[in-house]
Every structure is written in structure tokens, then in C-alpha cells.
């Protein structure tokens, strides 16, 4: 196995693995996509209590647009928002915060 340095000159040769539910996996993948980071970088920053700073780029914009479209379609389907939709509401909150941050960068 070839050893490689990461972009900060560190050897990353330890593997950490854990299991998640289908719902947790989807939520994690959504947040990773919205962050613009790799899944490894996103999880590492979250585990080490470091800030996840979203850098606006076309990939992040597309992820935000896709998430907002999916949430809009789900909200249209629902007559009332209930506690069963807690993950949807949390994702919407993260997207709103991210969009607000991107708006601030443009000013």
C-alpha cells in the first residue's frame, strides 16, 4: 500500500469506521454535499469540533438548489409539518444558514 501525505503534510494511515442508519447516512451525505468538503474532511472537522466553513462554488450551489427543490416538493406534499419531519426541518435550517452565509460573501 502506497503511503500518501495529505495537503497539510500529515500521514493519514489510520482508518476509523462506524455504522449509521439509512436516515443518518442520507442526512450526513446531504450535509457533506452542502459543505463542499470531502466526506472525510467534513466528518473530521465535526468530530474535532472545528468549524465547517462553506466555500461557495458551483457544486455547493447545485447541492443547495437540489436540496431546496426536494424540500419544496416534500412541503407541498405535506398538509401540516409535524414532529415526524424533524430531519427535514433541520436540513432546511442548515440550508438557510448556509445560504445566508453565501449571501454575506457577495456583499
PDB file of N, CA and C in Angstrom:
ATOM      1  N   UNK A   1       0.846  -1.184   0.000  1.00  0.00           N
ATOM      2  CA  UNK A   1       0.000   0.000   0.000  1.00  0.00           C
ATOM      3  C   UNK A   1       0.889   1.245   0.000  1.00  0.00           C
ATOM      4  N   UNK A   2       0.611   2.144  -0.914  1.00  0.00           N
ATOM      5  CA  UNK A   2       1.380   3.373  -1.035  1.00  0.00           C
ATOM      6  C   UNK A   2       0.932   4.378   0.010  1.00  0.00           C
ATOM      7  N   UNK A   3       1.894   4.967   0.720  1.00  0.00           N
ATOM      8  CA  UNK A   3       1.573   5.969   1.737  1.00  0.00           C
ATOM      9  C   UNK A   3       1.558   7.337   1.071  1.00  0.00           C
ATOM     10  N   UNK A   4       0.592   8.166   1.478  1.00  0.00           N
ATOM     11  CA  UNK A   4       0.474   9.499   0.900  1.00  0.00           C
ATOM     12  C   UNK A   4       0.308  10.520   2.007  1.00  0.00           C
ATOM     13  N   UNK A   5       0.860  11.684   1.774  1.00  0.00           N
ATOM     14  CA  UNK A   5       0.665  12.812   2.679  1.00  0.00           C
ATOM     15  C   UNK A   5      -0.606  13.540   2.285  1.00  0.00           C
ATOM     16  N   UNK A   6      -1.309  14.104   3.285  1.00  0.00           N
ATOM     17  CA  UNK A   6      -2.460  14.934   2.944  1.00  0.00           C
ATOM     18  C   UNK A   6      -1.960  16.325   2.564  1.00  0.00           C
ATOM     19  N   UNK A   7      -2.879  17.255   2.301  1.00  0.00           N
ATOM     20  CA  UNK A   7      -2.471  18.586   1.832  1.00  0.00           C
ATOM     21  C   UNK A   7      -1.774  19.424   2.903  1.00  0.00           C
ATOM     22  N   UNK A   8      -1.768  18.947   4.151  1.00  0.00           N
ATOM     23  CA  UNK A   8      -1.047  19.658   5.217  1.00  0.00           C
ATOM     24  C   UNK A   8       0.215  18.906   5.636  1.00  0.00           C
ATOM     25  N   UNK A   9       0.621  17.933   4.849  1.00  0.00           N
ATOM     26  CA  UNK A   9       1.861  17.215   5.113  1.00  0.00           C
ATOM     27  C   UNK A   9       1.753  16.160   6.205  1.00  0.00           C
ATOM     28  N   UNK A  10       0.540  15.682   6.511  1.00  0.00           N
ATOM     29  CA  UNK A  10       0.346  14.670   7.551  1.00  0.00           C
ATOM     30  C   UNK A  10       0.151  13.309   6.914  1.00  0.00           C
ATOM     31  N   UNK A  11       0.677  12.297   7.606  1.00  0.00           N
ATOM     32  CA  UNK A  11       0.398  10.929   7.176  1.00  0.00           C
ATOM     33  C   UNK A  11      -0.962  10.551   7.722  1.00  0.00           C
ATOM     34  N   UNK A  12      -1.828  10.120   6.875  1.00  0.00           N
ATOM     35  CA  UNK A  12      -3.154   9.662   7.299  1.00  0.00           C
ATOM     36  C   UNK A  12      -3.240   8.170   7.014  1.00  0.00           C
ATOM     37  N   UNK A  13      -2.806   7.396   7.996  1.00  0.00           N
ATOM     38  CA  UNK A  13      -2.769   5.957   7.790  1.00  0.00           C
ATOM     39  C   UNK A  13      -3.612   5.190   8.806  1.00  0.00           C
ATOM     40  N   UNK A  14      -4.488   5.865   9.532  1.00  0.00           N
ATOM     41  CA  UNK A  14      -5.409   5.211  10.466  1.00  0.00           C
ATOM     42  C   UNK A  14      -6.816   5.278   9.884  1.00  0.00           C
ATOM     43  N   UNK A  15      -7.516   4.168   9.989  1.00  0.00           N
ATOM     44  CA  UNK A  15      -8.887   4.112   9.492  1.00  0.00           C
ATOM     45  C   UNK A  15      -9.846   4.109  10.662  1.00  0.00           C
ATOM     46  N   UNK A  16     -10.886   4.936  10.567  1.00  0.00           N
ATOM     47  CA  UNK A  16     -11.949   4.969  11.557  1.00  0.00           C
ATOM     48  C   UNK A  16     -13.238   4.645  10.808  1.00  0.00           C
ATOM     49  N   UNK A  17     -13.976   3.670  11.302  1.00  0.00           N
ATOM     50  CA  UNK A  17     -15.223   3.283  10.630  1.00  0.00           C
ATOM     51  C   UNK A  17     -16.320   3.091  11.667  1.00  0.00           C
ATOM     52  N   UNK A  18     -17.548   3.385  11.273  1.00  0.00           N
ATOM     53  CA  UNK A  18     -18.685   3.188  12.154  1.00  0.00           C
ATOM     54  C   UNK A  18     -19.927   3.014  11.301  1.00  0.00           C
ATOM     55  N   UNK A  19     -20.960   2.447  11.895  1.00  0.00           N
ATOM     56  CA  UNK A  19     -22.208   2.198  11.188  1.00  0.00           C
ATOM     57  C   UNK A  19     -23.229   3.284  11.520  1.00  0.00           C
ATOM     58  N   UNK A  20     -24.050   3.601  10.533  1.00  0.00           N
ATOM     59  CA  UNK A  20     -25.134   4.560  10.720  1.00  0.00           C
ATOM     60  C   UNK A  20     -26.396   3.991  10.090  1.00  0.00           C
ATOM     61  N   UNK A  21     -27.540   4.529  10.487  1.00  0.00           N
ATOM     62  CA  UNK A  21     -28.806   4.107   9.897  1.00  0.00           C
ATOM     63  C   UNK A  21     -28.937   4.706   8.499  1.00  0.00           C
ATOM     64  N   UNK A  22     -29.932   4.241   7.755  1.00  0.00           N
ATOM     65  CA  UNK A  22     -30.205   4.783   6.426  1.00  0.00           C
ATOM     66  C   UNK A  22     -30.493   6.281   6.497  1.00  0.00           C
ATOM     67  N   UNK A  23     -31.287   6.687   7.510  1.00  0.00           N
ATOM     68  CA  UNK A  23     -31.633   8.099   7.669  1.00  0.00           C
ATOM     69  C   UNK A  23     -30.401   8.935   8.012  1.00  0.00           C
ATOM     70  N   UNK A  24     -29.564   8.411   8.927  1.00  0.00           N
ATOM     71  CA  UNK A  24     -28.340   9.133   9.299  1.00  0.00           C
ATOM     72  C   UNK A  24     -27.397   9.252   8.112  1.00  0.00           C
ATOM     73  N   UNK A  25     -27.312   8.203   7.320  1.00  0.00           N
ATOM     74  CA  UNK A  25     -26.448   8.221   6.140  1.00  0.00           C
ATOM     75  C   UNK A  25     -26.902   9.284   5.146  1.00  0.00           C
ATOM     76  N   UNK A  26     -28.212   9.353   4.905  1.00  0.00           N
ATOM     77  CA  UNK A  26     -28.730  10.360   3.979  1.00  0.00           C
ATOM     78  C   UNK A  26     -28.469  11.769   4.495  1.00  0.00           C
ATOM     79  N   UNK A  27     -28.732  11.976   5.782  1.00  0.00           N
ATOM     80  CA  UNK A  27     -28.507  13.291   6.378  1.00  0.00           C
ATOM     81  C   UNK A  27     -27.027  13.681   6.301  1.00  0.00           C
ATOM     82  N   UNK A  28     -26.147  12.746   6.625  1.00  0.00           N
ATOM     83  CA  UNK A  28     -24.708  13.004   6.553  1.00  0.00           C
ATOM     84  C   UNK A  28     -24.305  13.339   5.124  1.00  0.00           C
ATOM     85  N   UNK A  29     -24.767  12.554   4.161  1.00  0.00           N
ATOM     86  CA  UNK A  29     -24.417  12.819   2.764  1.00  0.00           C
ATOM     87  C   UNK A  29     -24.934  14.174   2.298  1.00  0.00           C
ATOM     88  N   UNK A  30     -26.144  14.547   2.747  1.00  0.00           N
ATOM     89  CA  UNK A  30     -26.676  15.870   2.403  1.00  0.00           C
ATOM     90  C   UNK A  30     -25.783  16.975   2.952  1.00  0.00           C
ATOM     91  N   UNK A  31     -25.384  16.858   4.215  1.00  0.00           N
ATOM     92  CA  UNK A  31     -24.550  17.889   4.832  1.00  0.00           C
ATOM     93  C   UNK A  31     -23.171  17.957   4.187  1.00  0.00           C
ATOM     94  N   UNK A  32     -22.620  16.804   3.835  1.00  0.00           N
ATOM     95  CA  UNK A  32     -21.323  16.781   3.159  1.00  0.00           C
ATOM     96  C   UNK A  32     -21.440  17.501   1.819  1.00  0.00           C
ATOM     97  N   UNK A  33     -22.482  17.182   1.076  1.00  0.00           N
ATOM     98  CA  UNK A  33     -22.691  17.812  -0.232  1.00  0.00           C
ATOM     99  C   UNK A  33     -22.863  19.322  -0.097  1.00  0.00           C
ATOM    100  N   UNK A  34     -23.612  19.743   0.911  1.00  0.00           N
ATOM    101  CA  UNK A  34     -23.836  21.173   1.114  1.00  0.00           C
ATOM    102  C   UNK A  34     -22.587  21.906   1.587  1.00  0.00           C
ATOM    103  N   UNK A  35     -21.670  21.189   2.214  1.00  0.00           N
ATOM    104  CA  UNK A  35     -20.457  21.832   2.730  1.00  0.00           C
ATOM    105  C   UNK A  35     -19.417  22.082   1.652  1.00  0.00           C
ATOM    106  N   UNK A  36     -19.435  21.268   0.592  1.00  0.00           N
ATOM    107  CA  UNK A  36     -18.414  21.387  -0.443  1.00  0.00           C
ATOM    108  C   UNK A  36     -17.123  20.674  -0.074  1.00  0.00           C
ATOM    109  N   UNK A  37     -17.092  20.039   1.092  1.00  0.00           N
ATOM    110  CA  UNK A  37     -15.910  19.308   1.551  1.00  0.00           C
ATOM    111  C   UNK A  37     -16.007  17.846   1.149  1.00  0.00           C
ATOM    112  N   UNK A  38     -14.891  17.132   1.282  1.00  0.00           N
ATOM    113  CA  UNK A  38     -14.958  15.687   1.143  1.00  0.00           C
ATOM    114  C   UNK A  38     -15.620  15.139   2.392  1.00  0.00           C
ATOM    115  N   UNK A  39     -16.153  13.935   2.301  1.00  0.00           N
ATOM    116  CA  UNK A  39     -16.795  13.327   3.467  1.00  0.00           C
ATOM    117  C   UNK A  39     -15.784  13.181   4.598  1.00  0.00           C
ATOM    118  N   UNK A  40     -14.564  12.786   4.279  1.00  0.00           N
ATOM    119  CA  UNK A  40     -13.518  12.641   5.297  1.00  0.00           C
ATOM    120  C   UNK A  40     -13.253  13.965   6.000  1.00  0.00           C
ATOM    121  N   UNK A  41     -13.082  15.032   5.242  1.00  0.00           N
ATOM    122  CA  UNK A  41     -12.807  16.336   5.849  1.00  0.00           C
ATOM    123  C   UNK A  41     -13.990  16.829   6.679  1.00  0.00           C
ATOM    124  N   UNK A  42     -15.209  16.629   6.177  1.00  0.00           N
ATOM    125  CA  UNK A  42     -16.397  17.061   6.906  1.00  0.00           C
ATOM    126  C   UNK A  42     -16.497  16.331   8.248  1.00  0.00           C
ATOM    127  N   UNK A  43     -16.402  15.006   8.218  1.00  0.00           N
ATOM    128  CA  UNK A  43     -16.525  14.221   9.453  1.00  0.00           C
ATOM    129  C   UNK A  43     -15.399  14.559  10.423  1.00  0.00           C
ATOM    130  N   UNK A  44     -14.191  14.681   9.923  1.00  0.00           N
ATOM    131  CA  UNK A  44     -13.056  15.010  10.792  1.00  0.00           C
ATOM    132  C   UNK A  44     -13.263  16.356  11.473  1.00  0.00           C
ATOM    133  N   UNK A  45     -13.679  17.363  10.719  1.00  0.00           N
ATOM    134  CA  UNK A  45     -13.914  18.688  11.319  1.00  0.00           C
ATOM    135  C   UNK A  45     -15.014  18.647  12.360  1.00  0.00           C
ATOM    136  N   UNK A  46     -16.099  17.933  12.063  1.00  0.00           N
ATOM    137  CA  UNK A  46     -17.200  17.842  13.028  1.00  0.00           C
ATOM    138  C   UNK A  46     -16.778  17.088  14.280  1.00  0.00           C
ATOM    139  N   UNK A  47     -16.058  16.001  14.126  1.00  0.00           N
ATOM    140  CA  UNK A  47     -15.625  15.215  15.286  1.00  0.00           C
ATOM    141  C   UNK A  47     -14.649  15.981  16.168  1.00  0.00           C
ATOM    142  N   UNK A  48     -13.839  16.816  15.557  1.00  0.00           N
ATOM    143  CA  UNK A  48     -12.845  17.582  16.306  1.00  0.00           C
ATOM    144  C   UNK A  48     -13.369  18.958  16.710  1.00  0.00           C
ATOM    145  N   UNK A  49     -14.685  19.172  16.569  1.00  0.00           N
ATOM    146  CA  UNK A  49     -15.345  20.427  16.958  1.00  0.00           C
ATOM    147  C   UNK A  49     -14.737  21.645  16.263  1.00  0.00           C
ATOM    148  N   UNK A  50     -14.352  21.450  15.017  1.00  0.00           N
ATOM    149  CA  UNK A  50     -13.846  22.568  14.214  1.00  0.00           C
ATOM    150  C   UNK A  50     -14.978  23.082  13.339  1.00  0.00           C
ATOM    151  N   UNK A  51     -14.912  24.348  12.984  1.00  0.00           N
ATOM    152  CA  UNK A  51     -15.943  24.945  12.140  1.00  0.00           C
ATOM    153  C   UNK A  51     -15.913  24.328  10.750  1.00  0.00           C
ATOM    154  N   UNK A  52     -17.084  24.159  10.187  1.00  0.00           N
ATOM    155  CA  UNK A  52     -17.227  23.758   8.796  1.00  0.00           C
ATOM    156  C   UNK A  52     -17.609  25.022   8.045  1.00  0.00           C
ATOM    157  N   UNK A  53     -16.656  25.576   7.323  1.00  0.00           N
ATOM    158  CA  UNK A  53     -16.873  26.821   6.592  1.00  0.00           C
ATOM    159  C   UNK A  53     -17.144  26.469   5.137  1.00  0.00           C
ATOM    160  N   UNK A  54     -18.318  26.824   4.678  1.00  0.00           N
ATOM    161  CA  UNK A  54     -18.716  26.505   3.307  1.00  0.00           C
ATOM    162  C   UNK A  54     -18.124  27.536   2.361  1.00  0.00           C
ATOM    163  N   UNK A  55     -17.403  27.049   1.373  1.00  0.00           N
ATOM    164  CA  UNK A  55     -16.860  27.902   0.331  1.00  0.00           C
ATOM    165  C   UNK A  55     -17.802  27.806  -0.865  1.00  0.00           C
ATOM    166  N   UNK A  56     -18.405  28.921  -1.224  1.00  0.00           N
ATOM    167  CA  UNK A  56     -19.346  28.913  -2.336  1.00  0.00           C
ATOM    168  C   UNK A  56     -18.658  28.549  -3.643  1.00  0.00           C
ATOM    169  N   UNK A  57     -19.216  27.591  -4.343  1.00  0.00           N
ATOM    170  CA  UNK A  57     -18.747  27.205  -5.666  1.00  0.00           C
ATOM    171  C   UNK A  57     -19.923  26.583  -6.403  1.00  0.00           C
ATOM    172  N   UNK A  58     -19.795  26.325  -7.691  1.00  0.00           N
ATOM    173  CA  UNK A  58     -20.932  25.783  -8.447  1.00  0.00           C
ATOM    174  C   UNK A  58     -21.473  24.456  -7.883  1.00  0.00           C
ATOM    175  N   UNK A  59     -20.597  23.612  -7.356  1.00  0.00           N
ATOM    176  CA  UNK A  59     -21.046  22.333  -6.804  1.00  0.00           C
ATOM    177  C   UNK A  59     -21.905  22.546  -5.562  1.00  0.00           C
ATOM    178  N   UNK A  60     -21.504  23.473  -4.688  1.00  0.00           N
ATOM    179  CA  UNK A  60     -22.280  23.772  -3.482  1.00  0.00           C
ATOM    180  C   UNK A  60     -23.599  24.420  -3.870  1.00  0.00           C
ATOM    181  N   UNK A  61     -23.563  25.328  -4.828  1.00  0.00           N
ATOM    182  CA  UNK A  61     -24.791  25.982  -5.290  1.00  0.00           C
ATOM    183  C   UNK A  61     -25.777  24.945  -5.821  1.00  0.00           C
ATOM    184  N   UNK A  62     -25.287  24.002  -6.624  1.00  0.00           N
ATOM    185  CA  UNK A  62     -26.152  22.961  -7.181  1.00  0.00           C
ATOM    186  C   UNK A  62     -26.733  22.095  -6.063  1.00  0.00           C
ATOM    187  N   UNK A  63     -25.916  21.762  -5.060  1.00  0.00           N
ATOM    188  CA  UNK A  63     -26.398  20.962  -3.935  1.00  0.00           C
ATOM    189  C   UNK A  63     -27.486  21.714  -3.171  1.00  0.00           C
ATOM    190  N   UNK A  64     -27.273  23.009  -2.939  1.00  0.00           N
ATOM    191  CA  UNK A  64     -28.281  23.820  -2.248  1.00  0.00           C
ATOM    192  C   UNK A  64     -29.576  23.873  -3.059  1.00  0.00           C
ATOM    193  N   UNK A  65     -29.450  24.081  -4.346  1.00  0.00           N
ATOM    194  CA  UNK A  65     -30.624  24.163  -5.213  1.00  0.00           C
ATOM    195  C   UNK A  65     -31.383  22.830  -5.208  1.00  0.00           C
ATOM    196  N   UNK A  66     -30.657  21.721  -5.300  1.00  0.00           N
ATOM    197  CA  UNK A  66     -31.304  20.407  -5.299  1.00  0.00           C
ATOM    198  C   UNK A  66     -31.998  20.128  -3.973  1.00  0.00           C
ATOM    199  N   UNK A  67     -31.354  20.484  -2.860  1.00  0.00           N
ATOM    200  CA  UNK A  67     -31.954  20.272  -1.547  1.00  0.00           C
ATOM    201  C   UNK A  67     -33.208  21.127  -1.383  1.00  0.00           C
ATOM    202  N   UNK A  68     -33.139  22.380  -1.809  1.00  0.00           N
ATOM    203  CA  UNK A  68     -34.304  23.254  -1.690  1.00  0.00           C
ATOM    204  C   UNK A  68     -35.455  22.736  -2.546  1.00  0.00           C
ATOM    205  N   UNK A  69     -35.158  22.214  -3.728  1.00  0.00           N
ATOM    206  CA  UNK A  69     -36.196  21.646  -4.590  1.00  0.00           C
ATOM    207  C   UNK A  69     -36.835  20.443  -3.920  1.00  0.00           C
ATOM    208  N   UNK A  70     -36.019  19.562  -3.348  1.00  0.00           N
ATOM    209  CA  UNK A  70     -36.545  18.370  -2.674  1.00  0.00           C
ATOM    210  C   UNK A  70     -37.402  18.753  -1.468  1.00  0.00           C
ATOM    211  N   UNK A  71     -36.944  19.734  -0.707  1.00  0.00           N
ATOM    212  CA  UNK A  71     -37.696  20.178   0.470  1.00  0.00           C
ATOM    213  C   UNK A  71     -39.004  20.835   0.033  1.00  0.00           C
ATOM    214  N   UNK A  72     -38.955  21.626  -1.008  1.00  0.00           N
ATOM    215  CA  UNK A  72     -40.163  22.269  -1.519  1.00  0.00           C
ATOM    216  C   UNK A  72     -41.190  21.222  -1.947  1.00  0.00           C
ATOM    217  N   UNK A  73     -40.732  20.200  -2.661  1.00  0.00           N
ATOM    218  CA  UNK A  73     -41.646  19.140  -3.101  1.00  0.00           C
ATOM    219  C   UNK A  73     -42.236  18.402  -1.902  1.00  0.00           C
ATOM    220  N   UNK A  74     -41.419  18.151  -0.893  1.00  0.00           N
ATOM    221  CA  UNK A  74     -41.905  17.457   0.306  1.00  0.00           C
ATOM    222  C   UNK A  74     -42.903  18.323   1.063  1.00  0.00           C
ATOM    223  N   UNK A  75     -42.628  19.605   1.184  1.00  0.00           N
ATOM    224  CA  UNK A  75     -43.548  20.509   1.877  1.00  0.00           C
ATOM    225  C   UNK A  75     -44.875  20.639   1.125  1.00  0.00           C
ATOM    226  N   UNK A  76     -44.815  20.614  -0.201  1.00  0.00           N
ATOM    227  CA  UNK A  76     -46.051  20.651  -0.983  1.00  0.00           C
ATOM    228  C   UNK A  76     -46.882  19.401  -0.698  1.00  0.00           C
ATOM    229  N   UNK A  77     -46.208  18.278  -0.494  1.00  0.00           N
ATOM    230  CA  UNK A  77     -46.884  17.018  -0.251  1.00  0.00           C
ATOM    231  C   UNK A  77     -47.533  16.979   1.126  1.00  0.00           C
ATOM    232  N   UNK A  78     -46.954  17.663   2.061  1.00  0.00           N
ATOM    233  CA  UNK A  78     -47.459  17.645   3.437  1.00  0.00           C
ATOM    234  C   UNK A  78     -48.507  18.723   3.645  1.00  0.00           C
ATOM    235  N   UNK A  79     -49.544  18.413   4.345  1.00  0.00           N
ATOM    236  CA  UNK A  79     -50.510  19.451   4.691  1.00  0.00           C
ATOM    237  C   UNK A  79     -50.039  20.222   5.907  1.00  0.00           C
ATOM    238  N   UNK A  80     -49.537  19.510   6.886  1.00  0.00           N
ATOM    239  CA  UNK A  80     -49.023  20.132   8.095  1.00  0.00           C
ATOM    240  C   UNK A  80     -47.657  19.562   8.408  1.00  0.00           C
ATOM    241  N   UNK A  81     -46.768  20.397   8.890  1.00  0.00           N
ATOM    242  CA  UNK A  81     -45.460  19.936   9.310  1.00  0.00           C
ATOM    243  C   UNK A  81     -45.600  19.371  10.723  1.00  0.00           C
ATOM    244  N   UNK A  82     -45.127  18.176  10.926  1.00  0.00           N
ATOM    245  CA  UNK A  82     -45.247  17.555  12.238  1.00  0.00           C
ATOM    246  C   UNK A  82     -43.882  17.166  12.754  1.00  0.00           C
ATOM    247  N   UNK A  83     -43.838  16.645  13.962  1.00  0.00           N
ATOM    248  CA  UNK A  83     -42.560  16.242  14.561  1.00  0.00           C
ATOM    249  C   UNK A  83     -41.921  15.091  13.793  1.00  0.00           C
ATOM    250  N   UNK A  84     -42.696  14.380  12.971  1.00  0.00           N
ATOM    251  CA  UNK A  84     -42.154  13.297  12.154  1.00  0.00           C
ATOM    252  C   UNK A  84     -41.188  13.834  11.098  1.00  0.00           C
ATOM    253  N   UNK A  85     -41.252  15.112  10.825  1.00  0.00           N
ATOM    254  CA  UNK A  85     -40.419  15.721   9.788  1.00  0.00           C
ATOM    255  C   UNK A  85     -39.265  16.529  10.373  1.00  0.00           C
ATOM    256  N   UNK A  86     -38.795  16.110  11.538  1.00  0.00           N
ATOM    257  CA  UNK A  86     -37.739  16.836  12.234  1.00  0.00           C
ATOM    258  C   UNK A  86     -36.460  16.919  11.401  1.00  0.00           C
ATOM    259  N   UNK A  87     -36.082  15.818  10.731  1.00  0.00           N
ATOM    260  CA  UNK A  87     -34.862  15.819   9.917  1.00  0.00           C
ATOM    261  C   UNK A  87     -34.991  16.783   8.745  1.00  0.00           C
ATOM    262  N   UNK A  88     -36.174  16.832   8.140  1.00  0.00           N
ATOM    263  CA  UNK A  88     -36.414  17.757   7.039  1.00  0.00           C
ATOM    264  C   UNK A  88     -36.270  19.198   7.503  1.00  0.00           C
ATOM    265  N   UNK A  89     -36.833  19.503   8.651  1.00  0.00           N
ATOM    266  CA  UNK A  89     -36.737  20.859   9.182  1.00  0.00           C
ATOM    267  C   UNK A  89     -35.305  21.222   9.550  1.00  0.00           C
ATOM    268  N   UNK A  90     -34.555  20.256  10.091  1.00  0.00           N
ATOM    269  CA  UNK A  90     -33.158  20.512  10.446  1.00  0.00           C
ATOM    270  C   UNK A  90     -32.332  20.778   9.183  1.00  0.00           C
ATOM    271  N   UNK A  91     -32.561  19.987   8.135  1.00  0.00           N
ATOM    272  CA  UNK A  91     -31.855  20.197   6.876  1.00  0.00           C
ATOM    273  C   UNK A  91     -32.186  21.561   6.300  1.00  0.00           C
ATOM    274  N   UNK A  92     -33.455  21.951   6.368  1.00  0.00           N
ATOM    275  CA  UNK A  92     -33.875  23.266   5.887  1.00  0.00           C
ATOM    276  C   UNK A  92     -33.161  24.374   6.661  1.00  0.00           C
ATOM    277  N   UNK A  93     -33.022  24.192   7.963  1.00  0.00           N
ATOM    278  CA  UNK A  93     -32.330  25.188   8.790  1.00  0.00           C
ATOM    279  C   UNK A  93     -30.866  25.311   8.380  1.00  0.00           C
ATOM    280  N   UNK A  94     -30.186  24.190   8.140  1.00  0.00           N
ATOM    281  CA  UNK A  94     -28.776  24.210   7.723  1.00  0.00           C
ATOM    282  C   UNK A  94     -28.644  24.908   6.371  1.00  0.00           C
ATOM    283  N   UNK A  95     -29.548  24.621   5.447  1.00  0.00           N
ATOM    284  CA  UNK A  95     -29.501  25.262   4.130  1.00  0.00           C
ATOM    285  C   UNK A  95     -29.715  26.770   4.258  1.00  0.00           C
ATOM    286  N   UNK A  96     -30.667  27.175   5.082  1.00  0.00           N
ATOM    287  CA  UNK A  96     -30.936  28.604   5.266  1.00  0.00           C
ATOM    288  C   UNK A  96     -29.710  29.316   5.837  1.00  0.00           C
ATOM    289  N   UNK A  97     -29.058  28.708   6.811  1.00  0.00           N
ATOM    290  CA  UNK A  97     -27.851  29.303   7.404  1.00  0.00           C
ATOM    291  C   UNK A  97     -26.757  29.406   6.349  1.00  0.00           C
ATOM    292  N   UNK A  98     -26.597  28.343   5.549  1.00  0.00           N
ATOM    293  CA  UNK A  98     -25.564  28.329   4.512  1.00  0.00           C
ATOM    294  C   UNK A  98     -25.841  29.392   3.454  1.00  0.00           C
ATOM    295  N   UNK A  99     -27.079  29.468   2.995  1.00  0.00           N
ATOM    296  CA  UNK A  99     -27.429  30.491   2.007  1.00  0.00           C
ATOM    297  C   UNK A  99     -27.222  31.886   2.555  1.00  0.00           C
ATOM    298  N   UNK A 100     -27.533  32.093   3.814  1.00  0.00           N
ATOM    299  CA  UNK A 100     -27.319  33.396   4.436  1.00  0.00           C
ATOM    300  C   UNK A 100     -25.832  33.733   4.468  1.00  0.00           C
ATOM    301  N   UNK A 101     -24.997  32.733   4.737  1.00  0.00           N
ATOM    302  CA  UNK A 101     -23.550  32.949   4.735  1.00  0.00           C
ATOM    303  C   UNK A 101     -23.033  33.266   3.347  1.00  0.00           C
ATOM    304  N   UNK A 102     -23.551  32.577   2.326  1.00  0.00           N
ATOM    305  CA  UNK A 102     -23.133  32.851   0.950  1.00  0.00           C
ATOM    306  C   UNK A 102     -23.565  34.231   0.521  1.00  0.00           C
ATOM    307  N   UNK A 103     -24.746  34.656   0.956  1.00  0.00           N
ATOM    308  CA  UNK A 103     -25.237  35.991   0.638  1.00  0.00           C
ATOM    309  C   UNK A 103     -24.300  37.037   1.219  1.00  0.00           C
ATOM    310  N   UNK A 104     -23.799  36.790   2.427  1.00  0.00           N
ATOM    311  CA  UNK A 104     -22.888  37.723   3.088  1.00  0.00           C
ATOM    312  C   UNK A 104     -21.574  37.861   2.358  1.00  0.00           C
ATOM    313  N   UNK A 105     -21.120  36.772   1.688  1.00  0.00           N
ATOM    314  CA  UNK A 105     -19.864  36.827   0.940  1.00  0.00           C
ATOM    315  C   UNK A 105     -19.975  37.706  -0.288  1.00  0.00           C
ATOM    316  N   UNK A 106     -21.175  37.771  -0.871  1.00  0.00           N
ATOM    317  CA  UNK A 106     -21.364  38.540  -2.094  1.00  0.00           C
ATOM    318  C   UNK A 106     -21.352  40.030  -1.843  1.00  0.00           C
ATOM    319  N   UNK A 107     -21.678  40.444  -0.613  1.00  0.00           N
ATOM    320  CA  UNK A 107     -21.789  41.868  -0.308  1.00  0.00           C
ATOM    321  C   UNK A 107     -20.436  42.502  -0.096  1.00  0.00           C
TER     322      UNK A 107
END
